[in-house]
């Protein structure tokens, strides 16, 4: 398709279609990562972590790998997060931010139960990335999103 020949309206529609495909593809990558993790294929291939496999085997830059791995980790406790990303109710960055928050809470001996994790995902569903950051920061003001 030659996008230069599209009308303005067709170009916008085509961009939206492409974004939908991109989102579904990203979620599909996260699903693949989860299956790789479940089978310990990263370990069997000599990688100490999924992050290492994502960067070395699959060629992701560090930030992209981190978002996908964190979303994968969240999907283990809250599988519905992947459907939320597919539907556009949550973006990959928000899922990664939630998992980063949960990791920090666990490290501070404030681990969330599976039920609490699901409730947090529901609370953050439909929120912008910035509003998710605000929600998480309200629960732990020491969380620094500049690092994530």
N, C-alpha and C. Protein backbone atom coordinates (compact mmCIF):
# COMPACT_ATOMS: atom_id res chain seq x y z
N UNK A 1 0.83 -1.17 0.00
CA UNK A 1 0.00 0.00 0.00
C UNK A 1 0.89 1.24 0.00
N UNK A 2 0.58 2.13 -0.87
CA UNK A 2 1.30 3.40 -0.92
C UNK A 2 0.53 4.41 -0.08
N UNK A 3 1.01 4.67 1.12
CA UNK A 3 0.26 5.54 2.02
C UNK A 3 0.20 6.98 1.53
N UNK A 4 1.11 7.36 0.67
CA UNK A 4 1.09 8.72 0.13
C UNK A 4 -0.15 8.97 -0.73
N UNK A 5 -0.74 7.90 -1.24
CA UNK A 5 -1.92 8.04 -2.10
C UNK A 5 -3.24 7.98 -1.31
N UNK A 6 -3.16 7.75 -0.02
CA UNK A 6 -4.38 7.68 0.80
C UNK A 6 -4.91 9.08 1.08
N UNK A 7 -6.22 9.17 1.18
CA UNK A 7 -6.83 10.43 1.61
C UNK A 7 -6.50 10.64 3.09
N UNK A 8 -6.75 11.83 3.58
CA UNK A 8 -6.48 12.10 4.99
C UNK A 8 -7.25 11.13 5.89
N UNK A 9 -8.50 10.93 5.59
CA UNK A 9 -9.34 10.03 6.37
C UNK A 9 -8.85 8.58 6.29
N UNK A 10 -8.49 8.15 5.10
CA UNK A 10 -7.97 6.79 4.92
C UNK A 10 -6.64 6.61 5.65
N UNK A 11 -5.82 7.63 5.66
CA UNK A 11 -4.53 7.56 6.36
C UNK A 11 -4.74 7.40 7.86
N UNK A 12 -5.66 8.16 8.42
CA UNK A 12 -5.95 8.05 9.86
C UNK A 12 -6.50 6.67 10.18
N UNK A 13 -7.42 6.18 9.38
CA UNK A 13 -7.99 4.84 9.58
C UNK A 13 -6.91 3.78 9.47
N UNK A 14 -6.04 3.91 8.48
CA UNK A 14 -4.96 2.95 8.29
C UNK A 14 -3.98 2.97 9.47
N UNK A 15 -3.69 4.17 9.98
CA UNK A 15 -2.81 4.28 11.15
C UNK A 15 -3.43 3.59 12.35
N UNK A 16 -4.73 3.81 12.58
CA UNK A 16 -5.42 3.17 13.70
C UNK A 16 -5.41 1.65 13.55
N UNK A 17 -5.63 1.16 12.34
CA UNK A 17 -5.58 -0.28 12.10
C UNK A 17 -4.18 -0.83 12.40
N UNK A 18 -3.16 -0.11 11.97
CA UNK A 18 -1.78 -0.54 12.20
C UNK A 18 -1.44 -0.55 13.68
N UNK A 19 -1.93 0.44 14.41
CA UNK A 19 -1.69 0.50 15.86
C UNK A 19 -2.36 -0.69 16.54
N UNK A 20 -3.56 -1.04 16.11
CA UNK A 20 -4.25 -2.20 16.67
C UNK A 20 -3.47 -3.49 16.43
N UNK A 21 -2.95 -3.63 15.24
CA UNK A 21 -2.14 -4.81 14.91
C UNK A 21 -0.86 -4.82 15.75
N UNK A 22 -0.23 -3.66 15.88
CA UNK A 22 0.99 -3.56 16.68
C UNK A 22 0.73 -3.95 18.14
N UNK A 23 -0.37 -3.48 18.71
CA UNK A 23 -0.71 -3.81 20.10
C UNK A 23 -0.93 -5.31 20.25
N UNK A 24 -1.68 -5.90 19.33
CA UNK A 24 -1.92 -7.34 19.39
C UNK A 24 -0.62 -8.12 19.23
N UNK A 25 0.26 -7.65 18.36
CA UNK A 25 1.55 -8.31 18.17
C UNK A 25 2.40 -8.23 19.44
N UNK A 26 2.39 -7.08 20.08
CA UNK A 26 3.16 -6.92 21.31
C UNK A 26 2.64 -7.85 22.39
N UNK A 27 1.32 -7.92 22.54
CA UNK A 27 0.74 -8.82 23.53
C UNK A 27 1.07 -10.26 23.20
N UNK A 28 1.10 -10.58 21.92
CA UNK A 28 1.46 -11.94 21.49
C UNK A 28 2.91 -12.25 21.86
N UNK A 29 3.80 -11.27 21.74
CA UNK A 29 5.19 -11.46 22.17
C UNK A 29 5.23 -11.76 23.66
N UNK A 30 4.47 -11.01 24.45
CA UNK A 30 4.44 -11.24 25.90
C UNK A 30 3.92 -12.65 26.19
N UNK A 31 2.90 -13.08 25.46
CA UNK A 31 2.40 -14.46 25.64
C UNK A 31 3.49 -15.49 25.31
N UNK A 32 4.24 -15.24 24.24
CA UNK A 32 5.35 -16.14 23.90
C UNK A 32 6.40 -16.15 25.01
N UNK A 33 6.73 -14.96 25.51
CA UNK A 33 7.70 -14.88 26.60
C UNK A 33 7.23 -15.70 27.81
N UNK A 34 5.95 -15.61 28.09
CA UNK A 34 5.43 -16.36 29.24
C UNK A 34 5.59 -17.86 29.02
N UNK A 35 5.30 -18.33 27.83
CA UNK A 35 5.44 -19.76 27.55
C UNK A 35 6.92 -20.17 27.59
N UNK A 36 7.78 -19.33 27.05
CA UNK A 36 9.23 -19.60 27.14
C UNK A 36 9.65 -19.69 28.59
N UNK A 37 9.17 -18.75 29.40
CA UNK A 37 9.48 -18.74 30.83
C UNK A 37 8.94 -20.00 31.52
N UNK A 38 7.68 -20.34 31.23
CA UNK A 38 7.06 -21.53 31.84
C UNK A 38 7.84 -22.80 31.51
N UNK A 39 8.42 -22.86 30.33
CA UNK A 39 9.19 -24.04 29.92
C UNK A 39 10.67 -23.95 30.30
N UNK A 40 11.05 -22.84 30.94
CA UNK A 40 12.45 -22.60 31.31
C UNK A 40 13.39 -22.61 30.11
N UNK A 41 12.88 -22.23 28.95
CA UNK A 41 13.71 -22.25 27.74
C UNK A 41 14.84 -21.23 27.82
N UNK A 42 14.61 -20.13 28.54
CA UNK A 42 15.69 -19.15 28.70
C UNK A 42 16.87 -19.79 29.43
N UNK A 43 16.57 -20.60 30.45
CA UNK A 43 17.63 -21.29 31.20
C UNK A 43 18.28 -22.39 30.34
N UNK A 44 17.46 -23.12 29.62
CA UNK A 44 17.97 -24.20 28.78
C UNK A 44 18.88 -23.68 27.67
N UNK A 45 18.68 -22.41 27.28
CA UNK A 45 19.52 -21.81 26.24
C UNK A 45 20.67 -21.02 26.82
N UNK A 46 20.85 -21.11 28.13
CA UNK A 46 22.01 -20.49 28.76
C UNK A 46 21.82 -19.05 29.21
N UNK A 47 20.59 -18.57 29.24
CA UNK A 47 20.33 -17.20 29.71
C UNK A 47 19.89 -17.25 31.16
N UNK A 48 20.41 -16.37 31.96
CA UNK A 48 20.08 -16.37 33.39
C UNK A 48 18.71 -15.76 33.67
N UNK A 49 18.16 -15.05 32.70
CA UNK A 49 16.87 -14.40 32.92
C UNK A 49 16.16 -14.21 31.58
N UNK A 50 14.86 -13.93 31.67
CA UNK A 50 14.11 -13.62 30.46
C UNK A 50 14.58 -12.29 29.87
N UNK A 51 14.96 -11.37 30.73
CA UNK A 51 15.48 -10.09 30.24
C UNK A 51 16.72 -10.31 29.38
N UNK A 52 17.62 -11.15 29.86
CA UNK A 52 18.84 -11.43 29.10
C UNK A 52 18.49 -12.09 27.76
N UNK A 53 17.55 -13.02 27.77
CA UNK A 53 17.15 -13.67 26.53
C UNK A 53 16.50 -12.66 25.57
N UNK A 54 15.67 -11.78 26.12
CA UNK A 54 14.98 -10.79 25.28
C UNK A 54 15.97 -9.86 24.59
N UNK A 55 17.04 -9.49 25.28
CA UNK A 55 18.02 -8.58 24.68
C UNK A 55 19.00 -9.32 23.78
N UNK A 56 19.49 -10.46 24.21
CA UNK A 56 20.54 -11.16 23.46
C UNK A 56 19.98 -12.03 22.33
N UNK A 57 18.95 -12.82 22.64
CA UNK A 57 18.40 -13.75 21.65
C UNK A 57 17.46 -13.04 20.67
N UNK A 58 16.64 -12.13 21.20
CA UNK A 58 15.61 -11.51 20.37
C UNK A 58 15.93 -10.10 19.93
N UNK A 59 17.01 -9.53 20.45
CA UNK A 59 17.49 -8.24 19.96
C UNK A 59 16.74 -7.01 20.45
N UNK A 60 15.97 -7.14 21.51
CA UNK A 60 15.28 -5.96 22.05
C UNK A 60 16.27 -5.04 22.75
N UNK A 61 16.03 -3.74 22.65
CA UNK A 61 16.81 -2.82 23.47
C UNK A 61 16.37 -3.02 24.92
N UNK A 62 17.15 -2.52 25.86
CA UNK A 62 16.90 -2.78 27.28
C UNK A 62 15.53 -2.32 27.74
N UNK A 63 15.11 -1.13 27.34
CA UNK A 63 13.82 -0.60 27.79
C UNK A 63 12.66 -1.43 27.25
N UNK A 64 12.73 -1.79 25.98
CA UNK A 64 11.66 -2.59 25.37
C UNK A 64 11.60 -3.98 26.00
N UNK A 65 12.75 -4.57 26.22
CA UNK A 65 12.81 -5.88 26.86
C UNK A 65 12.23 -5.82 28.27
N UNK A 66 12.60 -4.79 29.00
CA UNK A 66 12.13 -4.64 30.37
C UNK A 66 10.60 -4.54 30.42
N UNK A 67 10.00 -3.74 29.54
CA UNK A 67 8.54 -3.60 29.53
C UNK A 67 7.87 -4.93 29.25
N UNK A 68 8.37 -5.66 28.29
CA UNK A 68 7.75 -6.95 27.93
C UNK A 68 7.94 -7.99 29.03
N UNK A 69 9.10 -8.05 29.62
CA UNK A 69 9.34 -9.02 30.69
C UNK A 69 8.50 -8.68 31.92
N UNK A 70 8.42 -7.41 32.28
CA UNK A 70 7.61 -7.01 33.44
C UNK A 70 6.13 -7.31 33.19
N UNK A 71 5.64 -7.05 31.97
CA UNK A 71 4.26 -7.38 31.64
C UNK A 71 4.05 -8.89 31.72
N UNK A 72 5.03 -9.66 31.26
CA UNK A 72 4.96 -11.12 31.36
C UNK A 72 4.86 -11.55 32.82
N UNK A 73 5.69 -10.96 33.67
CA UNK A 73 5.68 -11.31 35.09
C UNK A 73 4.31 -10.99 35.71
N UNK A 74 3.74 -9.85 35.36
CA UNK A 74 2.43 -9.49 35.89
C UNK A 74 1.37 -10.48 35.39
N UNK A 75 1.50 -10.92 34.15
CA UNK A 75 0.51 -11.84 33.58
C UNK A 75 0.51 -13.20 34.27
N UNK A 76 1.57 -13.53 34.95
CA UNK A 76 1.61 -14.80 35.69
C UNK A 76 0.62 -14.75 36.85
N UNK A 77 0.59 -13.64 37.57
CA UNK A 77 -0.33 -13.49 38.70
C UNK A 77 -1.72 -13.04 38.25
N UNK A 78 -1.75 -12.22 37.19
CA UNK A 78 -3.02 -11.65 36.72
C UNK A 78 -3.11 -11.87 35.20
N UNK A 79 -3.50 -13.07 34.78
CA UNK A 79 -3.54 -13.37 33.35
C UNK A 79 -4.42 -12.42 32.54
N UNK A 80 -5.44 -11.86 33.15
CA UNK A 80 -6.36 -10.96 32.42
C UNK A 80 -5.68 -9.69 31.95
N UNK A 81 -4.49 -9.40 32.45
CA UNK A 81 -3.79 -8.18 32.03
C UNK A 81 -3.50 -8.20 30.52
N UNK A 82 -3.27 -9.38 29.97
CA UNK A 82 -2.98 -9.47 28.54
C UNK A 82 -4.21 -9.12 27.70
N UNK A 83 -5.38 -9.55 28.14
CA UNK A 83 -6.61 -9.17 27.44
C UNK A 83 -6.86 -7.67 27.57
N UNK A 84 -6.52 -7.11 28.72
CA UNK A 84 -6.68 -5.67 28.91
C UNK A 84 -5.78 -4.89 27.95
N UNK A 85 -4.58 -5.38 27.75
CA UNK A 85 -3.67 -4.73 26.80
C UNK A 85 -4.22 -4.88 25.39
N UNK A 86 -4.68 -6.09 25.05
CA UNK A 86 -5.27 -6.32 23.72
C UNK A 86 -6.43 -5.37 23.44
N UNK A 87 -7.28 -5.17 24.44
CA UNK A 87 -8.47 -4.32 24.27
C UNK A 87 -8.16 -2.83 24.34
N UNK A 88 -6.96 -2.49 24.79
CA UNK A 88 -6.62 -1.09 24.93
C UNK A 88 -7.02 -0.51 26.27
N UNK A 89 -7.39 -1.37 27.22
CA UNK A 89 -7.75 -0.92 28.57
C UNK A 89 -6.51 -0.62 29.41
N UNK A 90 -5.38 -1.12 28.96
CA UNK A 90 -4.11 -0.90 29.67
C UNK A 90 -3.00 -0.98 28.63
N UNK A 91 -2.02 -0.13 28.77
CA UNK A 91 -0.89 -0.21 27.85
C UNK A 91 0.24 -1.03 28.47
N UNK A 92 1.15 -1.44 27.64
CA UNK A 92 2.28 -2.25 28.07
C UNK A 92 3.08 -1.53 29.16
N UNK A 93 3.29 -0.23 29.01
CA UNK A 93 4.05 0.53 30.00
C UNK A 93 3.38 0.49 31.37
N UNK A 94 2.07 0.62 31.41
CA UNK A 94 1.35 0.59 32.68
C UNK A 94 1.48 -0.78 33.34
N UNK A 95 1.36 -1.84 32.54
CA UNK A 95 1.53 -3.19 33.09
C UNK A 95 2.94 -3.35 33.67
N UNK A 96 3.94 -2.85 32.96
CA UNK A 96 5.32 -2.92 33.45
C UNK A 96 5.49 -2.09 34.72
N UNK A 97 4.87 -0.92 34.76
CA UNK A 97 4.96 -0.08 35.96
C UNK A 97 4.32 -0.76 37.16
N UNK A 98 3.19 -1.41 36.94
CA UNK A 98 2.52 -2.12 38.04
C UNK A 98 3.43 -3.22 38.57
N UNK A 99 4.05 -3.99 37.68
CA UNK A 99 4.92 -5.07 38.14
C UNK A 99 6.15 -4.52 38.85
N UNK A 100 6.71 -3.43 38.35
CA UNK A 100 7.85 -2.79 39.03
C UNK A 100 7.45 -2.37 40.44
N UNK A 101 6.27 -1.77 40.55
CA UNK A 101 5.74 -1.38 41.85
C UNK A 101 5.60 -2.60 42.77
N UNK A 102 5.02 -3.68 42.24
CA UNK A 102 4.84 -4.89 43.05
C UNK A 102 6.18 -5.49 43.48
N UNK A 103 7.17 -5.43 42.60
CA UNK A 103 8.51 -5.91 42.96
C UNK A 103 9.09 -5.09 44.11
N UNK A 104 8.92 -3.77 44.03
CA UNK A 104 9.45 -2.91 45.09
C UNK A 104 8.71 -3.13 46.40
N UNK A 105 7.42 -3.32 46.32
CA UNK A 105 6.64 -3.59 47.53
C UNK A 105 7.07 -4.91 48.17
N UNK A 106 7.29 -5.93 47.35
CA UNK A 106 7.75 -7.22 47.87
C UNK A 106 9.12 -7.06 48.53
N UNK A 107 10.01 -6.29 47.90
CA UNK A 107 11.33 -6.04 48.47
C UNK A 107 11.28 -5.28 49.79
N UNK A 108 10.24 -4.49 49.98
CA UNK A 108 10.06 -3.73 51.22
C UNK A 108 9.19 -4.50 52.21
N UNK A 109 9.01 -5.78 51.95
CA UNK A 109 8.23 -6.66 52.83
C UNK A 109 6.76 -6.25 52.91
N UNK A 110 6.25 -5.72 51.78
CA UNK A 110 4.83 -5.38 51.69
C UNK A 110 4.24 -6.09 50.47
N UNK A 111 4.47 -7.37 50.39
CA UNK A 111 4.03 -8.14 49.22
C UNK A 111 2.52 -8.13 49.10
N UNK A 112 2.04 -8.04 47.89
CA UNK A 112 0.61 -8.08 47.59
C UNK A 112 0.19 -9.52 47.34
N UNK A 113 -0.98 -9.90 47.80
CA UNK A 113 -1.54 -11.21 47.48
C UNK A 113 -2.02 -11.20 46.03
N UNK A 114 -2.34 -12.36 45.50
CA UNK A 114 -2.86 -12.45 44.14
C UNK A 114 -4.16 -11.64 44.03
N UNK A 115 -5.01 -11.73 45.03
CA UNK A 115 -6.27 -10.97 45.02
C UNK A 115 -5.98 -9.47 45.00
N UNK A 116 -5.01 -9.02 45.79
CA UNK A 116 -4.65 -7.60 45.81
C UNK A 116 -4.04 -7.16 44.47
N UNK A 117 -3.26 -8.04 43.85
CA UNK A 117 -2.69 -7.72 42.54
C UNK A 117 -3.80 -7.55 41.51
N UNK A 118 -4.77 -8.46 41.53
CA UNK A 118 -5.90 -8.36 40.59
C UNK A 118 -6.66 -7.05 40.82
N UNK A 119 -6.88 -6.71 42.08
CA UNK A 119 -7.60 -5.48 42.40
C UNK A 119 -6.82 -4.26 41.91
N UNK A 120 -5.50 -4.28 42.06
CA UNK A 120 -4.68 -3.18 41.59
C UNK A 120 -4.77 -3.04 40.07
N UNK A 121 -4.71 -4.15 39.37
CA UNK A 121 -4.84 -4.12 37.91
C UNK A 121 -6.21 -3.55 37.53
N UNK A 122 -7.26 -3.95 38.22
CA UNK A 122 -8.60 -3.43 37.94
C UNK A 122 -8.65 -1.93 38.20
N UNK A 123 -8.05 -1.48 39.29
CA UNK A 123 -8.03 -0.06 39.62
C UNK A 123 -7.33 0.74 38.52
N UNK A 124 -6.27 0.18 37.98
CA UNK A 124 -5.47 0.88 36.97
C UNK A 124 -6.01 0.72 35.55
N UNK A 125 -6.92 -0.20 35.37
CA UNK A 125 -7.49 -0.45 34.05
C UNK A 125 -8.24 0.79 33.56
N UNK A 126 -7.97 1.17 32.33
CA UNK A 126 -8.63 2.32 31.75
C UNK A 126 -7.96 3.65 32.05
N UNK A 127 -6.93 3.64 32.89
CA UNK A 127 -6.22 4.87 33.23
C UNK A 127 -5.08 5.12 32.25
N UNK A 128 -4.73 6.37 32.07
CA UNK A 128 -3.56 6.72 31.27
C UNK A 128 -2.30 6.27 32.02
N UNK A 129 -1.21 6.20 31.32
CA UNK A 129 0.06 5.83 31.95
C UNK A 129 0.38 6.77 33.11
N UNK A 130 0.18 8.05 32.91
CA UNK A 130 0.47 9.03 33.97
C UNK A 130 -0.43 8.81 35.18
N UNK A 131 -1.71 8.51 34.94
CA UNK A 131 -2.63 8.28 36.06
C UNK A 131 -2.29 6.99 36.80
N UNK A 132 -1.79 5.99 36.08
CA UNK A 132 -1.32 4.77 36.74
C UNK A 132 -0.13 5.10 37.64
N UNK A 133 0.80 5.91 37.13
CA UNK A 133 1.94 6.34 37.94
C UNK A 133 1.48 7.06 39.20
N UNK A 134 0.49 7.92 39.06
CA UNK A 134 -0.04 8.66 40.22
C UNK A 134 -0.68 7.70 41.21
N UNK A 135 -1.44 6.74 40.73
CA UNK A 135 -2.07 5.74 41.60
C UNK A 135 -1.00 4.95 42.36
N UNK A 136 0.02 4.51 41.66
CA UNK A 136 1.07 3.72 42.31
C UNK A 136 1.86 4.57 43.30
N UNK A 137 2.14 5.80 42.92
CA UNK A 137 2.87 6.71 43.82
C UNK A 137 2.06 7.02 45.06
N UNK A 138 0.74 7.04 44.95
CA UNK A 138 -0.09 7.29 46.13
C UNK A 138 0.00 6.13 47.11
N UNK A 139 0.34 4.96 46.61
CA UNK A 139 0.49 3.78 47.47
C UNK A 139 1.91 3.66 48.01
N UNK A 140 2.87 4.23 47.26
CA UNK A 140 4.28 4.20 47.69
C UNK A 140 4.98 5.43 47.12
N UNK A 141 5.04 6.51 47.90
CA UNK A 141 5.62 7.76 47.40
C UNK A 141 7.10 7.68 47.04
N UNK A 142 7.79 6.62 47.43
CA UNK A 142 9.21 6.52 47.10
C UNK A 142 9.44 5.98 45.69
N UNK A 143 8.38 5.53 45.02
CA UNK A 143 8.51 4.98 43.68
C UNK A 143 8.92 6.07 42.71
N UNK A 144 9.97 5.81 41.94
CA UNK A 144 10.51 6.79 41.00
C UNK A 144 10.31 6.29 39.58
N UNK A 145 9.40 6.92 38.84
CA UNK A 145 9.12 6.47 37.48
C UNK A 145 10.11 6.96 36.46
N UNK A 146 11.00 7.86 36.85
CA UNK A 146 12.05 8.27 35.90
C UNK A 146 12.98 7.11 35.61
N UNK A 147 13.09 6.18 36.53
CA UNK A 147 13.99 5.04 36.36
C UNK A 147 13.37 3.94 35.50
N UNK A 148 12.03 3.92 35.43
CA UNK A 148 11.37 2.81 34.74
C UNK A 148 11.08 3.16 33.30
